[in-house]
């Protein structure tokens, strides 16, 4: 199954400048927003916004596919292992 998330104007407005920042190696976690949709996570390969802001190039752990993602309100950033252990 291929997942596609299209950013609406409302989603983009949810991410005002500085709200979400990530680094290469962090994980993007998207919680299932509807019944039957499970949690999805992927490694952030690149950040395309200023100062680590969206959109993010993500490699999904469940499929290995890559996608450019503007995360919605059901998403959060999980820092890379090396950052959590400090």
C-alpha atoms as a PDB file:
ATOM      1  CA  UNK A   1       0.000   0.000   0.000  1.00  0.00           C
ATOM      2  CA  UNK A   2       1.342   3.429  -0.864  1.00  0.00           C
ATOM      3  CA  UNK A   3       0.517   6.308   1.445  1.00  0.00           C
ATOM      4  CA  UNK A   4       0.194   9.790   0.097  1.00  0.00           C
ATOM      5  CA  UNK A   5      -0.312  12.837   2.240  1.00  0.00           C
ATOM      6  CA  UNK A   6      -1.201  16.032   0.450  1.00  0.00           C
ATOM      7  CA  UNK A   7      -0.729  19.265   2.341  1.00  0.00           C
ATOM      8  CA  UNK A   8      -3.834  21.417   2.469  1.00  0.00           C
ATOM      9  CA  UNK A   9      -3.722  25.117   3.247  1.00  0.00           C
ATOM     10  CA  UNK A  10      -5.093  24.293   6.708  1.00  0.00           C
ATOM     11  CA  UNK A  11      -2.261  21.836   7.392  1.00  0.00           C
ATOM     12  CA  UNK A  12       0.345  24.334   6.275  1.00  0.00           C
ATOM     13  CA  UNK A  13      -1.149  26.975   8.577  1.00  0.00           C
ATOM     14  CA  UNK A  14      -0.788  24.538  11.497  1.00  0.00           C
ATOM     15  CA  UNK A  15       2.978  24.747  11.042  1.00  0.00           C
ATOM     16  CA  UNK A  16       3.816  28.358  11.640  1.00  0.00           C
ATOM     17  CA  UNK A  17       7.470  29.309  11.432  1.00  0.00           C
ATOM     18  CA  UNK A  18       9.477  27.600  14.183  1.00  0.00           C
ATOM     19  CA  UNK A  19       6.706  25.235  15.352  1.00  0.00           C
ATOM     20  CA  UNK A  20       8.272  21.971  14.148  1.00  0.00           C
ATOM     21  CA  UNK A  21      11.986  21.443  13.755  1.00  0.00           C
ATOM     22  CA  UNK A  22      13.849  18.261  12.956  1.00  0.00           C
ATOM     23  CA  UNK A  23      17.331  17.065  12.126  1.00  0.00           C
ATOM     24  CA  UNK A  24      18.574  14.405   9.751  1.00  0.00           C
ATOM     25  CA  UNK A  25      18.247  11.052  11.527  1.00  0.00           C
ATOM     26  CA  UNK A  26      15.263  12.037  13.675  1.00  0.00           C
ATOM     27  CA  UNK A  27      12.048  10.056  13.240  1.00  0.00           C
ATOM     28  CA  UNK A  28       8.701  11.434  12.148  1.00  0.00           C
ATOM     29  CA  UNK A  29       5.888   9.593  13.942  1.00  0.00           C
ATOM     30  CA  UNK A  30       2.313   9.889  12.690  1.00  0.00           C
ATOM     31  CA  UNK A  31      -0.379   8.542  14.988  1.00  0.00           C
ATOM     32  CA  UNK A  32      -3.388   6.872  13.384  1.00  0.00           C
ATOM     33  CA  UNK A  33      -6.019   9.598  13.201  1.00  0.00           C
ATOM     34  CA  UNK A  34      -8.857   7.189  12.361  1.00  0.00           C
ATOM     35  CA  UNK A  35      -9.893   3.760  13.526  1.00  0.00           C
ATOM     36  CA  UNK A  36      -7.974   1.145  11.564  1.00  0.00           C
ATOM     37  CA  UNK A  37      -5.059   3.422  10.727  1.00  0.00           C
ATOM     38  CA  UNK A  38      -2.009   2.409  12.691  1.00  0.00           C
ATOM     39  CA  UNK A  39       0.956   4.420  13.801  1.00  0.00           C
ATOM     40  CA  UNK A  40       3.498   5.137  11.085  1.00  0.00           C
ATOM     41  CA  UNK A  41       7.083   6.256  11.465  1.00  0.00           C
ATOM     42  CA  UNK A  42      10.023   7.008   9.261  1.00  0.00           C
ATOM     43  CA  UNK A  43      13.535   8.383   9.345  1.00  0.00           C
ATOM     44  CA  UNK A  44      13.969  11.994   8.314  1.00  0.00           C
ATOM     45  CA  UNK A  45      16.539  12.031   5.527  1.00  0.00           C
ATOM     46  CA  UNK A  46      16.378  15.747   4.697  1.00  0.00           C
ATOM     47  CA  UNK A  47      14.669  18.899   5.907  1.00  0.00           C
ATOM     48  CA  UNK A  48      13.621  21.294   3.151  1.00  0.00           C
ATOM     49  CA  UNK A  49      12.354  24.223   5.194  1.00  0.00           C
ATOM     50  CA  UNK A  50      14.475  26.867   6.906  1.00  0.00           C
ATOM     51  CA  UNK A  51      16.107  25.789  10.191  1.00  0.00           C
ATOM     52  CA  UNK A  52      14.922  22.177  10.023  1.00  0.00           C
ATOM     53  CA  UNK A  53      11.274  22.930   9.316  1.00  0.00           C
ATOM     54  CA  UNK A  54       8.929  20.994   6.971  1.00  0.00           C
ATOM     55  CA  UNK A  55       8.685  19.642   4.406  1.00  0.00           C
ATOM     56  CA  UNK A  56      10.738  16.564   5.324  1.00  0.00           C
ATOM     57  CA  UNK A  57      12.048  13.831   3.062  1.00  0.00           C
ATOM     58  CA  UNK A  58      11.131  10.685   5.017  1.00  0.00           C
ATOM     59  CA  UNK A  59      11.980   6.996   4.496  1.00  0.00           C
ATOM     60  CA  UNK A  60       9.086   4.984   5.967  1.00  0.00           C
ATOM     61  CA  UNK A  61      10.184   2.045   8.131  1.00  0.00           C
ATOM     62  CA  UNK A  62       7.242  -0.159   7.104  1.00  0.00           C
ATOM     63  CA  UNK A  63       7.835   0.026   3.345  1.00  0.00           C
ATOM     64  CA  UNK A  64      11.240   1.583   2.746  1.00  0.00           C
ATOM     65  CA  UNK A  65       9.629   4.070   0.363  1.00  0.00           C
ATOM     66  CA  UNK A  66      10.534   7.746   0.500  1.00  0.00           C
ATOM     67  CA  UNK A  67       8.152  10.692   0.479  1.00  0.00           C
ATOM     68  CA  UNK A  68       8.198  14.448   0.906  1.00  0.00           C
ATOM     69  CA  UNK A  69       5.938  15.116   3.894  1.00  0.00           C
ATOM     70  CA  UNK A  70       4.298  18.135   5.473  1.00  0.00           C
ATOM     71  CA  UNK A  71       3.303  16.649   8.847  1.00  0.00           C
ATOM     72  CA  UNK A  72      -0.167  17.294  10.207  1.00  0.00           C
ATOM     73  CA  UNK A  73      -1.344  17.788  13.786  1.00  0.00           C
ATOM     74  CA  UNK A  74      -1.252  14.017  14.380  1.00  0.00           C
ATOM     75  CA  UNK A  75       2.543  13.930  13.945  1.00  0.00           C
ATOM     76  CA  UNK A  76       5.506  14.479  16.233  1.00  0.00           C
ATOM     77  CA  UNK A  77       9.298  14.340  15.977  1.00  0.00           C
ATOM     78  CA  UNK A  78      11.218  11.690  17.885  1.00  0.00           C
ATOM     79  CA  UNK A  79      14.885  12.720  18.247  1.00  0.00           C
ATOM     80  CA  UNK A  80      17.570  10.375  16.924  1.00  0.00           C
ATOM     81  CA  UNK A  81      18.980   7.816  19.418  1.00  0.00           C
ATOM     82  CA  UNK A  82      22.240   9.736  19.876  1.00  0.00           C
ATOM     83  CA  UNK A  83      20.348  12.849  20.985  1.00  0.00           C
ATOM     84  CA  UNK A  84      18.144  10.945  23.446  1.00  0.00           C
ATOM     85  CA  UNK A  85      21.078   9.277  25.173  1.00  0.00           C
ATOM     86  CA  UNK A  86      22.764  12.648  25.988  1.00  0.00           C
END
